[in-house]
Protein backbone atom coordinates (compact mmCIF):
# COMPACT_ATOMS: atom_id res chain seq x y z
CA MET A 1 -69.29 114.37 -101.11
CA PRO A 2 -69.08 117.60 -99.02
CA PRO A 3 -66.98 117.78 -96.14
CA ALA A 4 -68.48 116.84 -93.12
CA ALA A 5 -68.44 120.19 -91.11
CA PRO A 6 -65.77 120.36 -88.41
CA GLU A 7 -66.87 119.36 -84.38
CA PRO A 8 -68.04 122.20 -82.98
CA GLN A 9 -65.94 122.82 -79.59
CA TRP A 10 -68.60 121.59 -77.19
CA LEU A 11 -68.36 123.75 -73.82
CA ASP A 12 -67.06 122.64 -70.50
CA GLU A 13 -68.99 121.62 -68.01
CA ASP A 14 -68.02 125.21 -66.18
CA GLN A 15 -68.58 127.42 -69.06
CA GLN A 16 -71.41 125.81 -70.13
CA ARG A 17 -72.81 126.62 -65.83
CA SER A 18 -71.24 130.09 -66.68
CA TRP A 19 -73.00 130.45 -69.51
CA ARG A 20 -76.20 129.56 -68.47
CA ALA A 21 -76.19 131.48 -65.83
CA LEU A 22 -75.22 134.25 -67.33
CA VAL A 23 -78.33 133.88 -69.47
CA VAL A 24 -81.05 133.21 -67.00
CA GLY A 25 -79.36 135.85 -64.67
CA SER A 26 -79.57 138.35 -67.44
CA THR A 27 -83.02 138.34 -68.94
CA LEU A 28 -83.86 137.97 -64.77
CA LEU A 29 -81.93 141.55 -64.38
CA MET A 30 -83.28 143.08 -67.31
CA ASP A 31 -86.79 141.82 -66.72
CA ARG A 32 -86.69 142.70 -63.34
CA LEU A 33 -85.58 146.22 -63.70
CA ASP A 34 -88.41 146.57 -66.31
CA ASP A 35 -90.78 145.62 -64.04
CA ASP A 36 -90.28 147.93 -61.65
CA LEU A 37 -90.00 151.26 -64.11
CA ARG A 38 -93.10 149.84 -65.38
CA ARG A 39 -95.31 149.64 -61.95
CA GLU A 40 -93.71 152.59 -60.96
CA PHE A 41 -93.39 154.97 -62.91
CA ASN A 42 -95.35 153.47 -66.26
CA ILE A 43 -92.22 153.67 -68.71
CA SER A 44 -90.25 150.32 -69.98
CA LEU A 45 -86.55 150.07 -69.20
CA THR A 46 -86.03 150.92 -72.90
CA GLU A 47 -87.58 154.39 -72.34
CA TYR A 48 -85.13 154.89 -69.60
CA GLU A 49 -82.65 154.05 -70.65
CA ILE A 50 -83.51 156.52 -74.66
CA LEU A 51 -84.35 159.26 -71.71
CA VAL A 52 -81.02 158.84 -70.11
CA ARG A 53 -79.08 159.01 -73.77
CA LEU A 54 -80.79 162.03 -74.18
CA SER A 55 -80.20 163.52 -70.42
CA GLU A 56 -76.56 163.30 -71.83
CA ARG A 57 -75.90 165.15 -74.96
CA PRO A 58 -76.36 169.03 -75.58
CA GLY A 59 -79.81 169.77 -75.71
CA ARG A 60 -80.93 166.69 -74.43
CA ALA A 61 -81.74 166.43 -78.29
CA LEU A 62 -79.88 163.05 -80.49
CA ARG A 63 -80.51 161.94 -83.81
CA MET A 64 -82.44 158.94 -83.95
CA ALA A 65 -80.38 156.72 -85.77
CA GLN A 66 -77.48 157.71 -83.08
CA LEU A 67 -79.93 156.97 -80.97
CA ALA A 68 -80.92 153.19 -82.02
CA ASP A 69 -76.84 153.07 -82.46
CA ALA A 70 -76.51 153.94 -78.80
CA LEU A 71 -78.86 151.47 -77.47
CA ALA A 72 -78.02 149.06 -80.20
CA HIS A 73 -81.50 148.90 -81.00
CA SER A 74 -83.18 148.64 -84.56
CA ARG A 75 -84.14 152.01 -86.63
CA SER A 76 -87.88 150.69 -86.83
CA ARG A 77 -87.64 149.51 -82.49
CA VAL A 78 -86.29 153.09 -81.55
CA THR A 79 -89.22 154.71 -83.81
CA HIS A 80 -92.55 152.79 -82.13
CA THR A 81 -90.39 153.73 -78.79
CA ILE A 82 -90.47 157.15 -79.70
CA ASP A 83 -93.73 157.02 -80.63
CA ARG A 84 -95.40 156.20 -77.09
CA MET A 85 -93.10 158.60 -75.52
CA GLU A 86 -93.91 161.25 -77.45
CA ARG A 87 -97.30 160.82 -77.50
CA ALA A 88 -96.32 160.85 -73.22
CA GLY A 89 -95.42 164.24 -74.19
CA TYR A 90 -91.38 162.98 -72.53
CA VAL A 91 -89.74 163.76 -76.36
CA VAL A 92 -90.55 165.98 -78.81
CA ARG A 93 -89.47 164.93 -82.42
CA GLY A 94 -88.10 167.45 -85.24
CA THR A 95 -85.23 167.66 -87.71
CA THR A 96 -81.45 168.62 -87.49
CA PRO A 97 -81.29 172.46 -87.55
CA GLU A 98 -77.60 172.03 -88.93
CA ASP A 99 -79.00 170.41 -92.27
CA GLY A 100 -82.74 169.69 -91.53
CA ARG A 101 -83.13 166.21 -93.27
CA GLY A 102 -82.21 163.73 -90.11
CA ILE A 103 -84.22 163.46 -87.11
CA VAL A 104 -84.04 164.83 -83.75
CA ALA A 105 -85.83 163.03 -80.64
CA THR A 106 -85.30 166.46 -77.87
CA MET A 107 -86.21 165.48 -74.20
CA THR A 108 -89.25 167.29 -73.12
CA ASP A 109 -88.86 169.21 -69.46
CA LYS A 110 -91.91 166.35 -68.62
CA GLY A 111 -89.60 163.72 -69.47
CA TYR A 112 -86.60 165.72 -67.75
CA ALA A 113 -88.55 165.38 -64.67
CA LEU A 114 -89.50 161.89 -64.94
CA LEU A 115 -86.24 160.89 -65.27
CA GLN A 116 -84.79 162.57 -61.92
CA GLU A 117 -88.31 160.94 -60.40
CA ALA A 118 -87.07 157.46 -61.85
CA ALA A 119 -83.84 157.60 -61.83
CA PRO A 120 -82.72 157.05 -57.37
CA ARG A 121 -85.19 154.23 -57.75
CA HIS A 122 -83.38 152.08 -60.80
CA VAL A 123 -79.75 153.02 -59.04
CA GLU A 124 -81.41 151.16 -56.35
CA GLY A 125 -82.74 148.35 -57.78
CA VAL A 126 -79.86 147.61 -60.25
CA ARG A 127 -77.31 147.85 -56.73
CA ALA A 128 -80.02 145.37 -54.84
CA TYR A 129 -80.13 143.23 -57.83
CA LEU A 130 -76.90 143.17 -58.49
CA VAL A 131 -73.92 145.63 -56.94
CA ASP A 132 -74.83 144.99 -53.63
CA ARG A 133 -75.10 140.83 -54.60
CA VAL A 134 -71.35 140.56 -55.86
CA ARG A 135 -68.57 140.99 -54.79
CA ASP A 136 -66.35 144.57 -55.75
CA ASP A 137 -63.51 142.26 -58.13
CA ASP A 138 -66.42 140.29 -59.65
CA PHE A 139 -68.33 143.04 -60.56
CA SER A 140 -65.37 144.81 -62.66
CA ALA A 141 -65.02 141.37 -63.95
CA ILE A 142 -68.68 140.95 -65.93
CA GLY A 143 -67.73 144.34 -66.74
CA ARG A 144 -64.32 143.88 -68.50
CA ALA A 145 -65.69 140.29 -70.10
CA MET A 146 -68.50 142.55 -71.34
CA ASP A 147 -67.09 144.84 -72.65
CA ALA A 148 -64.45 142.54 -74.62
CA VAL A 149 -67.65 140.78 -76.24
CA THR A 150 -68.96 144.20 -77.33
CA ASP A 151 -65.20 145.48 -78.76
CA HIS A 152 -65.74 142.28 -80.55
CA LEU A 153 -69.17 142.20 -81.71
CA ILE A 154 -69.43 146.17 -83.05
CA SER A 155 -66.43 145.63 -84.71
CA ASP A 156 -68.11 145.98 -88.32
CA HIS A 157 -69.72 149.38 -86.82
CA PRO A 158 -67.23 151.34 -85.70
CA GLU A 159 -69.63 154.24 -85.72
CA MET A 160 -72.08 152.97 -82.36
CA ASP A 161 -70.96 154.66 -79.94
CA LEU A 162 -72.38 152.26 -76.76
CA ARG A 163 -70.18 153.52 -74.20
CA ASP A 164 -71.40 156.90 -74.55
CA GLY A 165 -72.33 157.72 -70.68
CA ALA A 166 -73.47 155.90 -67.96
CA THR A 167 -76.91 154.26 -66.83
CA GLY A 168 -76.58 152.68 -64.47
């Protein structure tokens, strides 16, 4: 008979309450931010984040693989999202000028104009739904906690550049 697995270290009542608050709160927050962008600008939160990432790069361009890593999304998910954005005229795809092998997504002027229009509303939502709801020290603690989580979870993927640029 194999040895019994060790008993897990269960969360105490306060830890369980905090964990559930994180799960429910982050889900509701992301859903609300996504709903606002879809309703007012007909784009998803993921599409908005892609526009932000591209806007922060020279030439408003980024390799698709780097874009997927920056968003912590699968490459296939980013490819499908870029497909929709390309059909809408917000981005174009092409090969890299350096080696001609990698695929690069480049934000169009139409995409940049959309970002300029959507960004103020998005930031209003981030403030109204999160930043202005908590004390400054609590908001800073959220950032520190999630940085620690990110540092631990990406340790196997040092090529990922998740903290490049601000999106809020």
